[in-house]
């Protein structure tokens, strides 16, 4: 069943909680959190090094999930494993109050690390096809997990300062875009306390370490992968009139697809149609029977997504008809089941998080960021019938001196998924833990006692 996306539908409880600002956390509590993080940091840095050196690929995160489960148990959570694959759920109840879900992702990528770090990954493992590949946490999920564990430890120790329920989720297969859906399908919102709101961290390769970034509304895009099999009638390259050339047809399709954004989409509506791969033929003088195209489509709104996919189908068929292809040789269009819906940061929740992080970190460390066309399946936690409000906080990982050098000289920094991507552990980890802890303490703040 398709669930309609309602971007601004906070629950009555959330609306009440966010109706007006509460006083900022007192300095004594902030100092207590800072002391807690400082005490835990040496062991957390060791945990980060271990996670970084031993990444596991999507759907194969067995040891990583077991480590997250053990860490949550040690922090006092009730833990359930193997939810939707290698998913981990930890629940900590602390009296009456709202329920907050905090998610981390677990998986690494098939990338060979070239950072030169002493704790660099040298891991290799077989992927789902049985092929052995180098493996790396090239998207910073090891940072996310370390902050997640640090927040779990801290919030458990600070139970006197909050009331409600924490649901800590260790999610597999974010890089494939299937992990959140698998956990939800397995009963995440049925087996465990249903969240009133959900938050997550994701590192950023364009923000300095020690800072965070937020955006209200759409933050990341719908992501769709499409395969197009362009079919023709092959033959000798010297006698093209005896064939129906799929190479020429594929070229026409590639050019026509560019009009989906430039001529079929309202200029104020973000959209991307990229042909990332084209393969066909075997020899100079042979016209092949088929050419394969691989596309990625990006958008924010469900309407633009639907129109773009429909346009791909129409253009491929229309160009084939114009090329004289027989009906039985029309292109075959396959929408792959690895996309993610757009991520929408619920505005009221995001404003509340931004205000609290500004109070804890300082205004100079809380950046307004722009929406991106990358994908993040954290979005799915807000796309069910429960309409759970979400907020994804971006956390900077770039050494400030390297950031300044990049700005001064115009040199590019290693991006996410790069073999040279190397987050600065400190202050990144301390900032991430502070962000998660401060947000949880604010959203689960105890009501002041009423006079008898």
Protein backbone atom coordinates (compact mmCIF):
# COMPACT_ATOMS: atom_id res chain seq x y z
CA UNK A 1 0.00 0.00 0.00
CA UNK A 2 1.35 3.44 -0.93
CA UNK A 3 1.49 5.72 2.09
CA UNK A 4 0.76 9.38 1.25
CA UNK A 5 3.52 11.68 2.40
CA UNK A 6 2.29 14.45 4.69
CA UNK A 7 5.24 16.75 5.22
CA UNK A 8 3.88 18.75 8.13
CA UNK A 9 1.82 16.39 10.24
CA UNK A 10 3.20 16.38 13.78
CA UNK A 11 1.37 14.31 16.33
CA UNK A 12 -0.74 16.09 18.92
CA UNK A 13 1.90 15.27 21.52
CA UNK A 14 4.70 16.68 19.40
CA UNK A 15 2.66 19.78 18.60
CA UNK A 16 2.15 20.36 22.32
CA UNK A 17 5.83 19.83 23.10
CA UNK A 18 6.94 22.18 20.32
CA UNK A 19 4.23 24.78 20.90
CA UNK A 20 6.59 27.09 22.76
CA UNK A 21 10.25 27.23 23.70
CA UNK A 22 11.31 25.81 27.02
CA UNK A 23 14.14 27.36 29.01
CA UNK A 24 17.52 26.24 27.74
CA UNK A 25 19.28 23.52 29.72
CA UNK A 26 21.13 25.02 32.66
CA UNK A 27 24.88 25.36 32.59
CA UNK A 28 25.25 22.75 35.30
CA UNK A 29 23.67 20.11 33.11
CA UNK A 30 25.80 21.09 30.13
CA UNK A 31 28.89 20.84 32.31
CA UNK A 32 27.76 17.43 33.56
CA UNK A 33 27.32 16.20 29.98
CA UNK A 34 30.73 17.57 28.96
CA UNK A 35 32.35 15.81 31.92
CA UNK A 36 30.58 12.56 31.03
CA UNK A 37 31.78 12.76 27.42
CA UNK A 38 35.33 13.58 28.49
CA UNK A 39 35.39 10.58 30.81
CA UNK A 40 34.05 8.24 28.13
CA UNK A 41 36.04 9.65 25.22
CA UNK A 42 39.19 7.47 25.46
CA UNK A 43 37.14 4.27 25.25
CA UNK A 44 34.93 5.74 22.54
CA UNK A 45 37.94 6.70 20.42
CA UNK A 46 39.17 3.10 20.72
CA UNK A 47 35.70 1.93 19.67
CA UNK A 48 35.85 4.26 16.67
CA UNK A 49 39.25 2.90 15.61
CA UNK A 50 37.92 -0.66 15.91
CA UNK A 51 34.80 0.07 13.88
CA UNK A 52 36.81 1.97 11.27
CA UNK A 53 39.28 -0.89 10.83
CA UNK A 54 36.59 -3.59 10.57
CA UNK A 55 33.80 -2.42 8.26
CA UNK A 56 31.18 -4.80 6.90
CA UNK A 57 29.15 -4.45 3.72
CA UNK A 58 25.40 -3.89 3.48
CA UNK A 59 23.28 -6.84 4.65
CA UNK A 60 26.45 -8.50 6.01
CA UNK A 61 26.93 -6.40 9.19
CA UNK A 62 26.85 -9.37 11.58
CA UNK A 63 29.83 -8.47 13.81
CA UNK A 64 29.11 -4.74 13.72
CA UNK A 65 25.52 -5.34 14.82
CA UNK A 66 26.66 -7.65 17.60
CA UNK A 67 29.02 -4.94 18.87
CA UNK A 68 26.24 -2.33 18.87
CA UNK A 69 23.94 -4.76 20.71
CA UNK A 70 26.62 -5.40 23.36
CA UNK A 71 27.24 -1.66 23.82
CA UNK A 72 23.53 -0.94 24.28
CA UNK A 73 23.14 -3.77 26.80
CA UNK A 74 26.12 -2.46 28.75
CA UNK A 75 24.41 0.95 28.86
CA UNK A 76 21.29 -0.57 30.40
CA UNK A 77 19.05 -0.92 27.34
CA UNK A 78 16.80 -3.90 26.66
CA UNK A 79 18.12 -5.15 23.32
CA UNK A 80 16.59 -7.16 20.48
CA UNK A 81 18.72 -8.31 17.55
CA UNK A 82 18.12 -9.44 13.96
CA UNK A 83 15.22 -7.10 13.20
CA UNK A 84 14.99 -6.85 9.42
CA UNK A 85 18.31 -8.61 8.91
CA UNK A 86 21.10 -7.40 11.19
CA UNK A 87 19.02 -4.61 12.71
CA UNK A 88 19.43 -3.88 16.43
CA UNK A 89 16.86 -2.20 18.68
CA UNK A 90 17.61 -1.02 22.22
CA UNK A 91 14.85 0.33 24.48
CA UNK A 92 15.36 2.32 27.67
CA UNK A 93 12.19 3.29 29.55
CA UNK A 94 12.38 6.01 32.14
CA UNK A 95 8.89 6.87 33.35
CA UNK A 96 6.06 8.70 31.60
CA UNK A 97 6.88 10.89 28.65
CA UNK A 98 7.39 10.96 24.87
CA UNK A 99 9.25 8.33 22.88
CA UNK A 100 12.35 9.35 20.92
CA UNK A 101 13.97 7.15 18.27
CA UNK A 102 17.68 7.66 17.57
CA UNK A 103 19.10 5.84 14.55
CA UNK A 104 22.57 4.93 13.42
CA UNK A 105 23.56 3.08 10.26
CA UNK A 106 25.97 0.13 10.39
CA UNK A 107 27.31 -0.65 6.92
CA UNK A 108 30.52 0.14 5.08
CA UNK A 109 31.27 0.36 1.36
CA UNK A 110 33.27 -1.67 -1.20
CA UNK A 111 36.10 0.90 -1.31
CA UNK A 112 39.81 0.33 -0.75
CA UNK A 113 41.00 2.82 1.86
CA UNK A 114 43.86 5.17 0.91
CA UNK A 115 43.97 7.49 3.91
CA UNK A 116 47.23 6.23 5.39
CA UNK A 117 45.74 6.35 8.89
CA UNK A 118 47.28 3.98 11.47
CA UNK A 119 43.81 2.48 12.01
CA UNK A 120 42.92 2.39 8.30
CA UNK A 121 40.81 -0.49 7.11
CA UNK A 122 42.66 -3.33 5.45
CA UNK A 123 39.53 -5.48 5.52
CA UNK A 124 38.38 -7.55 2.61
CA UNK A 125 35.19 -9.59 2.45
CA UNK A 126 32.93 -11.32 -0.03
CA UNK A 127 30.00 -9.25 -1.20
CA UNK A 128 26.53 -10.61 -1.88
CA UNK A 129 27.64 -11.95 -5.26
CA UNK A 130 30.55 -13.88 -3.70
CA UNK A 131 33.18 -11.49 -5.09
CA UNK A 132 35.95 -10.51 -2.67
CA UNK A 133 36.29 -6.74 -2.33
CA UNK A 134 38.14 -4.23 -0.17
CA UNK A 135 35.88 -2.65 2.44
CA UNK A 136 35.91 0.80 4.06
CA UNK A 137 33.74 3.09 6.18
CA UNK A 138 33.96 5.70 3.44
CA UNK A 139 30.69 7.37 4.48
CA UNK A 140 31.43 7.82 8.17
CA UNK A 141 29.01 5.28 9.60
CA UNK A 142 31.72 4.44 12.11
CA UNK A 143 31.48 8.05 13.36
CA UNK A 144 27.70 7.72 13.57
CA UNK A 145 27.92 4.50 15.59
CA UNK A 146 30.48 5.93 18.00
CA UNK A 147 28.31 8.99 18.69
CA UNK A 148 25.29 6.68 19.05
CA UNK A 149 27.08 4.60 21.70
CA UNK A 150 28.35 7.69 23.50
CA UNK A 151 24.83 9.14 23.63
CA UNK A 152 23.42 5.82 24.89
CA UNK A 153 25.95 5.73 27.73
CA UNK A 154 25.41 9.37 28.64
CA UNK A 155 21.61 9.33 28.57
CA UNK A 156 21.54 6.17 30.66
CA UNK A 157 23.71 7.88 33.27
CA UNK A 158 21.56 11.04 33.17
CA UNK A 159 18.17 9.42 33.75
CA UNK A 160 17.43 11.87 36.56
CA UNK A 161 17.24 14.63 33.92
CA UNK A 162 14.73 13.19 31.45
CA UNK A 163 11.51 11.17 31.31
CA UNK A 164 10.05 9.01 28.57
CA UNK A 165 11.39 6.25 26.35
CA UNK A 166 14.49 5.99 24.18
CA UNK A 167 14.50 3.63 21.19
CA UNK A 168 18.04 3.27 19.82
CA UNK A 169 18.07 1.69 16.35
CA UNK A 170 21.16 0.22 14.68
CA UNK A 171 20.11 -0.05 11.04
CA UNK A 172 21.71 -2.25 8.36
CA UNK A 173 22.02 -1.61 4.63
CA UNK A 174 21.64 2.17 4.50
CA UNK A 175 24.01 2.27 1.53
CA UNK A 176 21.67 0.00 -0.42
CA UNK A 177 18.61 1.97 0.64
CA UNK A 178 16.82 -1.13 1.95
CA UNK A 179 17.67 -1.33 5.66
CA UNK A 180 15.07 1.07 7.06
CA UNK A 181 12.31 -0.54 5.02
CA UNK A 182 13.37 -4.01 6.17
CA UNK A 183 13.23 -2.99 9.83
CA UNK A 184 9.87 -1.27 9.45
CA UNK A 185 8.46 -4.25 7.56
CA UNK A 186 9.75 -6.55 10.31
CA UNK A 187 7.62 -4.63 12.81
CA UNK A 188 9.80 -1.86 14.23
CA UNK A 189 6.77 0.29 15.04
CA UNK A 190 4.66 -2.69 16.16
CA UNK A 191 7.12 -4.62 18.33
CA UNK A 192 8.67 -1.62 20.05
CA UNK A 193 7.43 1.70 21.44
CA UNK A 194 6.24 3.87 18.56
CA UNK A 195 8.27 7.09 18.39
CA UNK A 196 6.81 10.55 18.68
CA UNK A 197 9.86 11.83 16.81
CA UNK A 198 13.09 10.45 15.36
CA UNK A 199 16.54 11.95 14.95
CA UNK A 200 19.79 10.84 13.35
CA UNK A 201 23.26 12.13 12.58
CA UNK A 202 25.02 12.07 9.24
CA UNK A 203 28.52 13.38 8.79
CA UNK A 204 29.36 16.07 6.26
CA UNK A 205 32.58 16.42 4.26
CA UNK A 206 31.95 20.15 3.81
CA UNK A 207 31.56 21.27 7.45
CA UNK A 208 34.39 21.80 9.95
CA UNK A 209 34.75 19.38 12.84
CA UNK A 210 33.11 20.72 15.97
CA UNK A 211 30.12 22.10 14.09
CA UNK A 212 26.72 20.87 12.90
CA UNK A 213 24.38 21.82 10.08
CA UNK A 214 20.60 21.74 9.73
CA UNK A 215 17.94 22.59 7.17
CA UNK A 216 14.16 22.81 7.58
CA UNK A 217 12.03 20.90 5.07
CA UNK A 218 13.48 18.79 2.29
CA UNK A 219 17.07 17.86 3.05
CA UNK A 220 17.81 14.93 0.72
CA UNK A 221 16.22 13.58 -2.42
CA UNK A 222 14.07 10.84 -3.84
CA UNK A 223 16.54 8.41 -5.42
CA UNK A 224 15.53 6.05 -8.22
CA UNK A 225 17.73 3.74 -10.26
CA UNK A 226 16.48 2.76 -13.70
CA UNK A 227 17.87 0.23 -16.18
CA UNK A 228 17.00 0.70 -19.86
CA UNK A 229 17.62 -2.16 -22.29
CA UNK A 230 17.64 -0.54 -25.74
CA UNK A 231 16.95 -3.29 -28.25
CA UNK A 232 17.59 -3.29 -31.99
CA UNK A 233 18.19 -5.58 -34.92
CA UNK A 234 21.91 -6.19 -35.27
CA UNK A 235 24.03 -6.85 -38.33
CA UNK A 236 27.14 -5.86 -40.28
CA UNK A 237 28.41 -2.33 -39.80
CA UNK A 238 28.89 -2.01 -43.57
CA UNK A 239 25.19 -2.57 -44.22
CA UNK A 240 23.34 -0.41 -41.68
CA UNK A 241 20.24 -0.28 -43.87
CA UNK A 242 19.69 -3.97 -43.09
CA UNK A 243 19.62 -3.30 -39.33
CA UNK A 244 17.85 -1.24 -36.67
CA UNK A 245 20.80 0.28 -34.83
CA UNK A 246 20.38 0.34 -31.01
CA UNK A 247 23.56 2.43 -30.57
CA UNK A 248 22.09 5.32 -32.54
CA UNK A 249 18.76 4.83 -30.76
CA UNK A 250 20.49 4.85 -27.36
CA UNK A 251 22.26 8.10 -28.27
CA UNK A 252 18.94 9.68 -29.23
CA UNK A 253 17.39 8.50 -25.98
CA UNK A 254 20.26 9.90 -23.91
CA UNK A 255 19.84 13.31 -25.53
CA UNK A 256 16.05 13.27 -25.29
CA UNK A 257 16.18 12.38 -21.59
CA UNK A 258 17.86 15.75 -20.94
CA UNK A 259 14.59 17.50 -21.77
CA UNK A 260 12.84 15.93 -18.76
CA UNK A 261 14.48 18.47 -16.48
CA UNK A 262 15.01 21.33 -18.94
CA UNK A 263 11.58 21.27 -20.64
CA UNK A 264 9.15 19.11 -18.64
CA UNK A 265 9.86 20.10 -15.04
CA UNK A 266 8.92 23.47 -13.54
CA UNK A 267 12.15 25.46 -13.17
CA UNK A 268 11.53 25.91 -9.41
CA UNK A 269 11.23 22.14 -8.87
CA UNK A 270 14.58 20.39 -8.26
CA UNK A 271 15.22 17.32 -10.41
CA UNK A 272 18.14 15.38 -11.88
CA UNK A 273 18.25 12.79 -14.66
CA UNK A 274 21.73 11.33 -15.11
CA UNK A 275 22.78 8.55 -17.48
CA UNK A 276 25.62 7.05 -15.50
CA UNK A 277 26.42 4.06 -17.69
CA UNK A 278 26.09 3.09 -21.36
CA UNK A 279 27.32 -0.23 -22.73
CA UNK A 280 26.83 -1.86 -26.11
CA UNK A 281 28.60 -3.63 -28.89
CA UNK A 282 31.69 -5.78 -29.18
CA UNK A 283 33.56 -4.77 -32.37
CA UNK A 284 34.08 -1.88 -34.78
CA UNK A 285 32.08 -3.36 -37.66
CA UNK A 286 29.23 -5.05 -35.80
CA UNK A 287 25.93 -3.33 -35.07
CA UNK A 288 24.78 -5.00 -31.84
CA UNK A 289 21.35 -6.27 -30.90
CA UNK A 290 21.16 -4.20 -27.70
CA UNK A 291 22.63 -1.38 -25.62
CA UNK A 292 22.27 -1.04 -21.85
CA UNK A 293 21.75 2.29 -20.07
CA UNK A 294 21.78 2.91 -16.31
CA UNK A 295 20.07 6.02 -14.98
CA UNK A 296 19.76 7.77 -11.64
CA UNK A 297 16.78 10.08 -11.09
CA UNK A 298 16.62 12.57 -8.21
CA UNK A 299 13.78 14.78 -7.03
CA UNK A 300 12.08 16.03 -3.87
CA UNK A 301 8.34 15.91 -4.49
CA UNK A 302 6.40 12.72 -5.18
CA UNK A 303 4.77 14.46 -8.15
CA UNK A 304 8.09 15.31 -9.86
CA UNK A 305 9.32 11.79 -9.19
CA UNK A 306 6.23 10.22 -10.82
CA UNK A 307 6.36 12.56 -13.83
CA UNK A 308 10.08 11.94 -14.39
CA UNK A 309 9.69 8.15 -14.31
CA UNK A 310 6.72 8.35 -16.68
CA UNK A 311 8.72 10.59 -19.02
CA UNK A 312 11.60 8.08 -19.14
CA UNK A 313 9.18 5.37 -20.25
CA UNK A 314 7.48 7.63 -22.81
CA UNK A 315 10.72 8.97 -24.31
CA UNK A 316 12.31 5.53 -24.66
CA UNK A 317 9.27 4.13 -26.39
CA UNK A 318 8.72 7.23 -28.53
CA UNK A 319 12.30 7.30 -29.80
CA UNK A 320 12.13 3.58 -30.58
CA UNK A 321 8.97 4.10 -32.61
CA UNK A 322 10.62 7.00 -34.46
CA UNK A 323 13.59 4.72 -35.23
CA UNK A 324 11.30 2.13 -36.77
CA UNK A 325 11.76 -0.54 -34.11
CA UNK A 326 9.19 -3.33 -34.29
CA UNK A 327 6.87 -3.68 -31.30
CA UNK A 328 8.63 -6.80 -30.08
CA UNK A 329 11.92 -4.84 -29.90
CA UNK A 330 10.70 -1.89 -27.84
CA UNK A 331 13.05 -0.85 -25.00
CA UNK A 332 12.63 -2.57 -21.65
CA UNK A 333 12.60 -0.17 -18.70
CA UNK A 334 13.24 -1.60 -15.20
CA UNK A 335 12.86 0.45 -12.03
CA UNK A 336 15.25 -1.11 -9.54
CA UNK A 337 14.11 -1.75 -5.99
CA UNK A 338 16.94 0.19 -4.35
CA UNK A 339 15.62 3.75 -4.21
CA UNK A 340 14.89 5.94 -1.23
CA UNK A 341 12.17 8.54 -0.72
CA UNK A 342 13.04 12.17 -0.07
CA UNK A 343 14.05 13.09 3.46
CA UNK A 344 11.96 15.87 4.99
CA UNK A 345 13.12 17.54 8.21
CA UNK A 346 9.89 18.43 10.02
CA UNK A 347 10.20 22.23 10.39
CA UNK A 348 8.95 22.66 13.96
CA UNK A 349 11.10 19.80 15.24
CA UNK A 350 14.14 21.03 13.32
CA UNK A 351 13.74 24.56 14.66
CA UNK A 352 13.58 23.14 18.18
CA UNK A 353 16.71 21.06 17.62
CA UNK A 354 18.54 24.02 16.09
CA UNK A 355 17.69 26.26 19.05
CA UNK A 356 18.90 23.69 21.55
CA UNK A 357 22.13 22.96 19.69
CA UNK A 358 22.81 26.68 19.41
CA UNK A 359 22.47 26.96 23.19
CA UNK A 360 24.86 24.04 23.74
CA UNK A 361 27.43 24.55 20.97
CA UNK A 362 27.23 28.27 20.25
CA UNK A 363 25.73 30.07 17.26
CA UNK A 364 28.99 29.95 15.30
CA UNK A 365 28.98 26.16 15.38
CA UNK A 366 25.43 25.67 14.06
CA UNK A 367 25.24 26.22 10.30
CA UNK A 368 22.30 26.66 7.95
CA UNK A 369 22.94 24.20 5.12
CA UNK A 370 21.42 23.64 1.70
CA UNK A 371 19.34 20.71 0.52
CA UNK A 372 21.18 17.99 -1.41
CA UNK A 373 20.38 15.51 -4.14
CA UNK A 374 21.94 12.61 -2.23
CA UNK A 375 19.70 9.97 -0.67
CA UNK A 376 19.20 8.74 2.91
CA UNK A 377 16.75 6.00 3.88
CA UNK A 378 16.28 7.54 7.33
CA UNK A 379 13.45 9.21 5.41
CA UNK A 380 11.40 6.00 5.60
CA UNK A 381 10.94 6.32 9.37
CA UNK A 382 8.69 9.30 8.62
CA UNK A 383 6.89 7.84 5.60
CA UNK A 384 4.62 5.34 7.36
CA UNK A 385 1.01 5.85 8.42
CA UNK A 386 2.31 7.12 11.77
CA UNK A 387 3.88 10.20 10.09
CA UNK A 388 6.70 10.34 12.63
CA UNK A 389 8.45 13.75 12.44
CA UNK A 390 12.14 13.49 11.57
CA UNK A 391 15.27 15.59 11.94
CA UNK A 392 18.61 14.66 10.40
CA UNK A 393 21.56 16.63 11.81
CA UNK A 394 24.69 16.93 9.69
CA UNK A 395 27.94 16.86 11.64
CA UNK A 396 31.20 18.34 10.40
CA UNK A 397 34.25 16.08 10.19
CA UNK A 398 36.86 18.22 8.41
CA UNK A 399 39.87 19.55 10.30
CA UNK A 400 39.37 23.35 10.49
CA UNK A 401 42.87 24.05 9.10
CA UNK A 402 42.19 21.83 6.09
CA UNK A 403 38.84 23.54 5.60
CA UNK A 404 40.52 26.96 5.68
CA UNK A 405 43.19 25.78 3.23
CA UNK A 406 40.52 24.43 0.89
CA UNK A 407 38.69 27.77 0.91
CA UNK A 408 41.91 29.78 0.45
CA UNK A 409 43.41 27.69 -2.36
CA UNK A 410 40.24 26.30 -3.92
CA UNK A 411 41.39 22.71 -3.50
CA UNK A 412 38.79 20.00 -3.24
CA UNK A 413 38.33 18.04 -0.02
CA UNK A 414 37.81 14.26 -0.10
CA UNK A 415 34.09 13.63 -0.37
CA UNK A 416 31.90 11.00 1.18
CA UNK A 417 32.53 7.62 -0.52
CA UNK A 418 36.09 8.68 -1.38
CA UNK A 419 38.95 6.28 -0.62
CA UNK A 420 40.69 9.25 1.04
CA UNK A 421 37.78 10.32 3.25
CA UNK A 422 39.15 10.62 6.81
CA UNK A 423 37.01 12.24 9.51
CA UNK A 424 38.84 13.96 12.38
CA UNK A 425 37.77 11.90 15.44
CA UNK A 426 38.08 14.77 17.91
CA UNK A 427 36.14 17.04 18.20
CA UNK A 428 33.77 15.32 15.75
CA UNK A 429 32.79 12.50 18.11
CA UNK A 430 32.38 14.80 21.10
CA UNK A 431 30.22 17.18 19.06
CA UNK A 432 28.06 14.35 17.73
CA UNK A 433 27.48 12.92 21.19
CA UNK A 434 26.66 16.38 22.51
CA UNK A 435 24.18 16.95 19.67
CA UNK A 436 22.33 13.68 20.28
CA UNK A 437 22.38 14.04 24.06
CA UNK A 438 21.28 17.67 24.09
CA UNK A 439 18.43 16.96 21.69
CA UNK A 440 17.23 13.98 23.73
CA UNK A 441 17.44 15.87 27.03
CA UNK A 442 15.39 18.70 25.53
CA UNK A 443 12.70 16.59 23.85
CA UNK A 444 12.35 14.27 26.86
CA UNK A 445 12.66 17.02 29.45
CA UNK A 446 10.87 16.32 32.68
CA UNK A 447 7.84 18.46 33.42
CA UNK A 448 8.41 20.75 36.39
CA UNK A 449 6.80 19.49 39.56
CA UNK A 450 3.55 21.27 40.47
CA UNK A 451 3.03 22.67 43.91
CA UNK A 452 0.65 20.61 46.11
